[in-house]
C-alpha atoms as a PDB file:
ATOM      1  CA  LYS A   1       0.000   0.000   0.000  1.00  0.00           C
ATOM      2  CA  LYS A   2       2.550   2.514  -1.159  1.00  0.00           C
ATOM      3  CA  MET A   3       0.712   4.190  -4.029  1.00  0.00           C
ATOM      4  CA  PRO A   4      -1.982   6.870  -3.818  1.00  0.00           C
ATOM      5  CA  TYR A   5      -5.610   5.971  -4.438  1.00  0.00           C
ATOM      6  CA  LEU A   6      -8.325   8.253  -5.806  1.00  0.00           C
ATOM      7  CA  TYR A   7     -12.026   7.513  -5.911  1.00  0.00           C
ATOM      8  CA  THR A   8     -15.251   9.425  -6.404  1.00  0.00           C
ATOM      9  CA  GLN A   9     -18.545   9.206  -4.506  1.00  0.00           C
ATOM     10  CA  GLY A  10     -21.386  10.854  -6.410  1.00  0.00           C
ATOM     11  CA  GLN A  11     -24.397  10.148  -4.225  1.00  0.00           C
ATOM     12  CA  PRO A  12     -26.290  12.261  -3.433  1.00  0.00           C
ATOM     13  CA  VAL A  13     -25.133  15.488  -5.171  1.00  0.00           C
ATOM     14  CA  LEU A  14     -21.338  15.344  -5.254  1.00  0.00           C
ATOM     15  CA  ASN A  15     -20.663  14.680  -8.947  1.00  0.00           C
ATOM     16  CA  ARG A  16     -21.349  18.352  -9.692  1.00  0.00           C
ATOM     17  CA  SER A  17     -17.883  18.972  -8.198  1.00  0.00           C
ATOM     18  CA  PHE A  18     -16.401  16.250 -10.473  1.00  0.00           C
ATOM     19  CA  PHE A  19     -17.703  17.547 -13.838  1.00  0.00           C
ATOM     20  CA  PRO A  20     -20.421  19.961 -15.084  1.00  0.00           C
ATOM     21  CA  CYS A  21     -23.758  18.156 -14.973  1.00  0.00           C
ATOM     22  CA  MET A  22     -27.451  18.220 -14.094  1.00  0.00           C
ATOM     23  CA  ASP A  23     -26.916  16.552 -10.729  1.00  0.00           C
ATOM     24  CA  SER A  24     -30.472  15.480  -9.979  1.00  0.00           C
ATOM     25  CA  PRO A  25     -31.805  11.899  -9.843  1.00  0.00           C
ATOM     26  CA  SER A  26     -34.673  12.907 -12.160  1.00  0.00           C
ATOM     27  CA  VAL A  27     -32.216  13.620 -15.018  1.00  0.00           C
ATOM     28  CA  LYS A  28     -30.722  10.556 -16.714  1.00  0.00           C
ATOM     29  CA  SER A  29     -28.039  10.435 -19.375  1.00  0.00           C
ATOM     30  CA  THR A  30     -25.698   8.141 -21.237  1.00  0.00           C
ATOM     31  CA  TRP A  31     -22.048   9.220 -21.096  1.00  0.00           C
ATOM     32  CA  SER A  32     -18.521   8.537 -22.293  1.00  0.00           C
ATOM     33  CA  ALA A  33     -15.137   9.481 -20.846  1.00  0.00           C
ATOM     34  CA  SER A  34     -11.460   9.244 -21.683  1.00  0.00           C
ATOM     35  CA  ILE A  35      -9.149   9.221 -18.656  1.00  0.00           C
ATOM     36  CA  LYS A  36      -5.355   9.496 -18.712  1.00  0.00           C
ATOM     37  CA  VAL A  37      -3.329   8.266 -15.719  1.00  0.00           C
ATOM     38  CA  PRO A  38       0.440   7.859 -15.102  1.00  0.00           C
ATOM     39  CA  GLU A  39       2.003   4.479 -15.890  1.00  0.00           C
ATOM     40  CA  GLY A  40       1.792   2.133 -12.918  1.00  0.00           C
ATOM     41  CA  PHE A  41      -1.785   3.139 -12.183  1.00  0.00           C
ATOM     42  CA  ASN A  42      -5.048   1.721 -13.465  1.00  0.00           C
ATOM     43  CA  VAL A  43      -8.401   3.467 -13.816  1.00  0.00           C
ATOM     44  CA  VAL A  44     -11.878   1.922 -13.604  1.00  0.00           C
ATOM     45  CA  MET A  45     -15.304   3.496 -14.108  1.00  0.00           C
ATOM     46  CA  SER A  46     -18.959   2.538 -13.699  1.00  0.00           C
ATOM     47  CA  ALA A  47     -19.385   1.987 -17.444  1.00  0.00           C
ATOM     48  CA  SER A  48     -20.969  -0.714 -19.570  1.00  0.00           C
ATOM     49  CA  HIS A  49     -18.093  -0.716 -22.093  1.00  0.00           C
ATOM     50  CA  TRP A  50     -14.348  -0.381 -21.452  1.00  0.00           C
ATOM     51  CA  GLU A  51     -11.913  -0.068 -24.332  1.00  0.00           C
ATOM     52  CA  SER A  52      -8.436  -1.622 -24.148  1.00  0.00           C
ATOM     53  CA  PRO A  53      -6.024   0.885 -22.556  1.00  0.00           C
ATOM     54  CA  LYS A  54      -3.527   2.701 -24.794  1.00  0.00           C
ATOM     55  CA  GLN A  55      -0.033   3.581 -23.596  1.00  0.00           C
ATOM     56  CA  SER A  56       1.778   6.726 -24.671  1.00  0.00           C
ATOM     57  CA  ALA A  57       4.535   8.941 -23.235  1.00  0.00           C
ATOM     58  CA  GLY A  58       4.431   7.551 -19.711  1.00  0.00           C
ATOM     59  CA  TYR A  59       0.630   7.556 -19.488  1.00  0.00           C
ATOM     60  CA  LEU A  60      -2.188   5.052 -19.771  1.00  0.00           C
ATOM     61  CA  GLU A  61      -5.304   6.284 -21.572  1.00  0.00           C
ATOM     62  CA  CYS A  62      -8.593   4.481 -20.962  1.00  0.00           C
ATOM     63  CA  SER A  63     -11.946   5.097 -22.627  1.00  0.00           C
ATOM     64  CA  PHE A  64     -15.332   4.233 -21.150  1.00  0.00           C
ATOM     65  CA  ASP A  65     -18.947   4.323 -22.363  1.00  0.00           C
ATOM     66  CA  MET A  66     -22.235   3.933 -20.538  1.00  0.00           C
ATOM     67  CA  ASP A  67     -24.977   3.170 -23.039  1.00  0.00           C
ATOM     68  CA  VAL A  68     -27.832   2.903 -20.523  1.00  0.00           C
ATOM     69  CA  ALA A  69     -29.169   6.251 -19.306  1.00  0.00           C
ATOM     70  CA  ILE A  70     -28.400   6.706 -15.602  1.00  0.00           C
ATOM     71  CA  PRO A  71     -28.808   9.436 -12.979  1.00  0.00           C
ATOM     72  CA  ILE A  72     -25.566  11.397 -12.717  1.00  0.00           C
ATOM     73  CA  TYR A  73     -24.855  10.353  -9.129  1.00  0.00           C
ATOM     74  CA  LEU A  74     -24.018   6.871 -10.460  1.00  0.00           C
ATOM     75  CA  VAL A  75     -21.010   8.005 -12.541  1.00  0.00           C
ATOM     76  CA  ALA A  76     -18.011   6.752 -10.563  1.00  0.00           C
ATOM     77  CA  MET A  77     -14.260   6.437 -11.037  1.00  0.00           C
ATOM     78  CA  ALA A  78     -11.303   5.017  -9.130  1.00  0.00           C
ATOM     79  CA  VAL A  79      -7.567   5.288  -9.834  1.00  0.00           C
ATOM     80  CA  GLY A  80      -4.830   3.354  -8.081  1.00  0.00           C
ATOM     81  CA  ASP A  81      -2.682   0.236  -8.083  1.00  0.00           C
ATOM     82  CA  ILE A  82      -5.726  -1.813  -9.067  1.00  0.00           C
ATOM     83  CA  SER A  83      -5.787  -5.349 -10.492  1.00  0.00           C
ATOM     84  CA  SER A  84      -8.593  -7.805 -11.151  1.00  0.00           C
ATOM     85  CA  LYS A  85      -9.513 -11.490 -11.137  1.00  0.00           C
ATOM     86  CA  GLU A  86     -12.545 -13.266 -12.535  1.00  0.00           C
ATOM     87  CA  ILE A  87     -15.289 -14.221 -10.074  1.00  0.00           C
ATOM     88  CA  GLY A  88     -17.987 -15.298 -12.535  1.00  0.00           C
ATOM     89  CA  PRO A  89     -18.905 -15.449 -16.226  1.00  0.00           C
ATOM     90  CA  ARG A  90     -19.778 -11.720 -16.286  1.00  0.00           C
ATOM     91  CA  SER A  91     -17.948 -10.494 -13.188  1.00  0.00           C
ATOM     92  CA  ARG A  92     -14.488  -9.517 -11.972  1.00  0.00           C
ATOM     93  CA  VAL A  93     -13.295  -8.253  -8.623  1.00  0.00           C
ATOM     94  CA  TRP A  94     -10.910  -5.294  -8.612  1.00  0.00           C
ATOM     95  CA  THR A  95      -8.657  -4.187  -5.774  1.00  0.00           C
ATOM     96  CA  GLU A  96      -5.080  -3.528  -4.770  1.00  0.00           C
ATOM     97  CA  PRO A  97      -2.848  -6.590  -5.362  1.00  0.00           C
ATOM     98  CA  CYS A  98      -2.408  -7.329  -1.650  1.00  0.00           C
ATOM     99  CA  LEU A  99      -6.155  -8.044  -1.297  1.00  0.00           C
ATOM    100  CA  LEU A 100      -6.868  -9.647  -4.656  1.00  0.00           C
ATOM    101  CA  ASP A 101      -6.780 -13.359  -3.748  1.00  0.00           C
ATOM    102  CA  LYS A 102      -8.813 -12.750  -0.596  1.00  0.00           C
ATOM    103  CA  ALA A 103     -11.383 -10.730  -2.533  1.00  0.00           C
ATOM    104  CA  GLN A 104     -11.642 -13.349  -5.275  1.00  0.00           C
ATOM    105  CA  TYR A 105     -12.353 -16.079  -2.710  1.00  0.00           C
ATOM    106  CA  GLU A 106     -14.975 -13.978  -0.922  1.00  0.00           C
ATOM    107  CA  PHE A 107     -17.048 -13.158  -4.004  1.00  0.00           C
ATOM    108  CA  GLN A 108     -16.513 -15.914  -6.579  1.00  0.00           C
ATOM    109  CA  GLU A 109     -19.514 -18.101  -7.438  1.00  0.00           C
ATOM    110  CA  VAL A 110     -21.940 -16.271  -5.106  1.00  0.00           C
ATOM    111  CA  THR A 111     -21.951 -13.152  -7.301  1.00  0.00           C
ATOM    112  CA  GLU A 112     -23.333 -15.012 -10.318  1.00  0.00           C
ATOM    113  CA  GLN A 113     -25.859 -16.797  -8.095  1.00  0.00           C
ATOM    114  CA  PHE A 114     -27.140 -13.429  -6.879  1.00  0.00           C
ATOM    115  CA  LEU A 115     -27.283 -12.008 -10.421  1.00  0.00           C
ATOM    116  CA  SER A 116     -29.268 -15.031 -11.638  1.00  0.00           C
ATOM    117  CA  ALA A 117     -31.656 -14.734  -8.692  1.00  0.00           C
ATOM    118  CA  GLY A 118     -32.163 -11.042  -9.456  1.00  0.00           C
ATOM    119  CA  GLU A 119     -32.974 -11.801 -13.094  1.00  0.00           C
ATOM    120  CA  HIS A 120     -35.406 -14.521 -12.020  1.00  0.00           C
ATOM    121  CA  LEU A 121     -37.231 -12.074  -9.728  1.00  0.00           C
ATOM    122  CA  PHE A 122     -36.975  -8.739 -11.548  1.00  0.00           C
ATOM    123  CA  GLY A 123     -36.214  -9.342 -15.240  1.00  0.00           C
ATOM    124  CA  PRO A 124     -33.158  -9.024 -17.496  1.00  0.00           C
ATOM    125  CA  TYR A 125     -29.923  -7.563 -16.147  1.00  0.00           C
ATOM    126  CA  VAL A 126     -29.251  -4.717 -18.616  1.00  0.00           C
ATOM    127  CA  TRP A 127     -25.813  -3.558 -17.431  1.00  0.00           C
ATOM    128  CA  THR A 128     -23.569  -6.004 -19.380  1.00  0.00           C
ATOM    129  CA  ARG A 129     -21.168  -6.755 -16.496  1.00  0.00           C
ATOM    130  CA  TYR A 130     -21.285  -6.772 -12.718  1.00  0.00           C
ATOM    131  CA  ASP A 131     -17.855  -6.070 -11.263  1.00  0.00           C
ATOM    132  CA  ILE A 132     -16.902  -5.328  -7.665  1.00  0.00           C
ATOM    133  CA  LEU A 133     -14.232  -2.860  -6.555  1.00  0.00           C
ATOM    134  CA  VAL A 134     -12.909  -3.409  -3.027  1.00  0.00           C
ATOM    135  CA  MET A 135     -12.123   0.054  -1.746  1.00  0.00           C
ATOM    136  CA  PRO A 136      -9.462   1.344   0.638  1.00  0.00           C
ATOM    137  CA  PRO A 137     -10.379   1.459   4.362  1.00  0.00           C
ATOM    138  CA  SER A 138     -11.264   5.168   4.052  1.00  0.00           C
ATOM    139  CA  PHE A 139     -14.395   4.305   2.010  1.00  0.00           C
ATOM    140  CA  PRO A 140     -17.188   5.377   4.394  1.00  0.00           C
ATOM    141  CA  TYR A 141     -19.982   3.011   3.259  1.00  0.00           C
ATOM    142  CA  GLY A 142     -20.702  -0.704   3.190  1.00  0.00           C
ATOM    143  CA  GLY A 143     -21.344  -0.527  -0.546  1.00  0.00           C
ATOM    144  CA  MET A 144     -22.263   1.836  -3.356  1.00  0.00           C
ATOM    145  CA  GLU A 145     -24.308   0.481  -6.259  1.00  0.00           C
ATOM    146  CA  ASN A 146     -22.485   2.171  -9.127  1.00  0.00           C
ATOM    147  CA  PRO A 147     -23.740   0.334 -12.241  1.00  0.00           C
ATOM    148  CA  CYS A 148     -21.387  -2.330 -13.643  1.00  0.00           C
ATOM    149  CA  LEU A 149     -18.918  -1.602 -10.797  1.00  0.00           C
ATOM    150  CA  THR A 150     -20.150  -1.765  -7.199  1.00  0.00           C
ATOM    151  CA  PHE A 151     -17.808  -0.150  -4.665  1.00  0.00           C
ATOM    152  CA  VAL A 152     -17.562  -2.111  -1.371  1.00  0.00           C
ATOM    153  CA  THR A 153     -15.777  -1.739   1.943  1.00  0.00           C
ATOM    154  CA  PRO A 154     -12.775  -4.024   2.593  1.00  0.00           C
ATOM    155  CA  THR A 155     -14.429  -5.065   5.877  1.00  0.00           C
ATOM    156  CA  LEU A 156     -16.490  -7.559   3.813  1.00  0.00           C
ATOM    157  CA  LEU A 157     -13.337  -9.656   3.319  1.00  0.00           C
ATOM    158  CA  VAL A 158     -13.744 -11.870   6.370  1.00  0.00           C
ATOM    159  CA  GLY A 159     -12.765 -15.167   4.721  1.00  0.00           C
ATOM    160  CA  ASP A 160     -16.031 -17.068   5.218  1.00  0.00           C
ATOM    161  CA  ARG A 161     -18.478 -15.212   2.914  1.00  0.00           C
ATOM    162  CA  SER A 162     -20.659 -14.362   5.917  1.00  0.00           C
ATOM    163  CA  LEU A 163     -21.111 -10.731   4.808  1.00  0.00           C
ATOM    164  CA  VAL A 164     -21.882 -11.271   1.119  1.00  0.00           C
ATOM    165  CA  ASP A 165     -25.518 -10.280   1.670  1.00  0.00           C
ATOM    166  CA  VAL A 166     -24.203  -6.746   1.086  1.00  0.00           C
ATOM    167  CA  ILE A 167     -23.532  -7.830  -2.514  1.00  0.00           C
ATOM    168  CA  MET A 168     -27.109  -9.138  -2.777  1.00  0.00           C
ATOM    169  CA  HIS A 169     -28.381  -5.734  -1.698  1.00  0.00           C
ATOM    170  CA  GLU A 170     -26.141  -3.828  -4.129  1.00  0.00           C
ATOM    171  CA  ILE A 171     -27.083  -6.145  -7.020  1.00  0.00           C
ATOM    172  CA  SER A 172     -30.788  -5.517  -6.338  1.00  0.00           C
ATOM    173  CA  HIS A 173     -30.101  -1.803  -6.939  1.00  0.00           C
ATOM    174  CA  SER A 174     -29.401  -2.776 -10.577  1.00  0.00           C
ATOM    175  CA  TRP A 175     -33.180  -2.748 -10.910  1.00  0.00           C
ATOM    176  CA  PHE A 176     -34.281  -0.521  -7.986  1.00  0.00           C
ATOM    177  CA  GLY A 177     -32.358   2.743  -7.985  1.00  0.00           C
ATOM    178  CA  ASN A 178     -30.204   2.385 -11.071  1.00  0.00           C
ATOM    179  CA  LEU A 179     -32.884   1.365 -13.575  1.00  0.00           C
ATOM    180  CA  VAL A 180     -35.950   2.779 -11.809  1.00  0.00           C
ATOM    181  CA  THR A 181     -34.893   5.833  -9.812  1.00  0.00           C
ATOM    182  CA  ASN A 182     -36.492   8.120  -7.244  1.00  0.00           C
ATOM    183  CA  ALA A 183     -37.443  11.433  -8.908  1.00  0.00           C
ATOM    184  CA  SER A 184     -36.008  13.542  -6.088  1.00  0.00           C
ATOM    185  CA  TRP A 185     -33.920  12.991  -2.970  1.00  0.00           C
ATOM    186  CA  SER A 186     -37.006  13.364  -0.764  1.00  0.00           C
ATOM    187  CA  GLU A 187     -38.070   9.961  -2.161  1.00  0.00           C
ATOM    188  CA  PHE A 188     -34.637   8.357  -1.732  1.00  0.00           C
ATOM    189  CA  TRP A 189     -36.098   5.848   0.724  1.00  0.00           C
ATOM    190  CA  LEU A 190     -37.854   4.190  -2.250  1.00  0.00           C
ATOM    191  CA  ASN A 191     -34.434   3.109  -3.597  1.00  0.00           C
ATOM    192  CA  GLU A 192     -33.518   1.391  -0.360  1.00  0.00           C
ATOM    193  CA  VAL A 193     -36.830  -0.153   0.660  1.00  0.00           C
ATOM    194  CA  SER A 194     -37.221  -1.643  -2.831  1.00  0.00           C
ATOM    195  CA  ALA A 195     -33.723  -3.172  -2.738  1.00  0.00           C
ATOM    196  CA  PRO A 196     -33.604  -5.296   0.416  1.00  0.00           C
ATOM    197  CA  GLY A 197     -31.464  -8.014  -1.164  1.00  0.00           C
ATOM    198  CA  LYS A 198     -31.783 -10.569   1.623  1.00  0.00           C
ATOM    199  CA  HIS A 199     -34.804 -12.138  -0.095  1.00  0.00           C
ATOM    200  CA  MET A 200     -32.924 -12.769  -3.362  1.00  0.00           C
ATOM    201  CA  HIS A 201     -32.572 -16.535  -3.217  1.00  0.00           C
ATOM    202  CA  HIS A 202     -34.057 -19.419  -5.154  1.00  0.00           C
END
């Protein structure tokens, strides 16, 4: 843990300090971004499509596209010494190398089970991939349901999968919150009460 780590947290109205936008849950948009970071770092975003990184003059340039309209608070980015491993047919876990094996064990197999259960209950999963980014300890939440790339606290990595119900809850936001969204923050409770997660089993 020697390299700096940058991440964004858009909910509820913080992405207006990240880029110019209509930062209201009632306004949805598709988006694309091109991010350049120094060599040795990696960048990930809550996007449905990631292009292969290009290297030039000591930098890594990565391009991202989100082709499903989302509320702006769900645009998220992280930059750091980040690597990934597969945890399912449409999922990877991302984190710093020192936590990667532990994170892979915690989330492999169960993530696809939860996605399949969600589709069985709520309909097609429209977000292409479901990846998980294990955050640094400074991340102040249990999880954040950024589409295609849920941010989670490292305190979930307990070694026995006893806290993976957090992933169930975040996956359920793929339908409740991300796809169908409260019109204003006074109705934010609708996002959470509709996405309990613990009932997502066969």
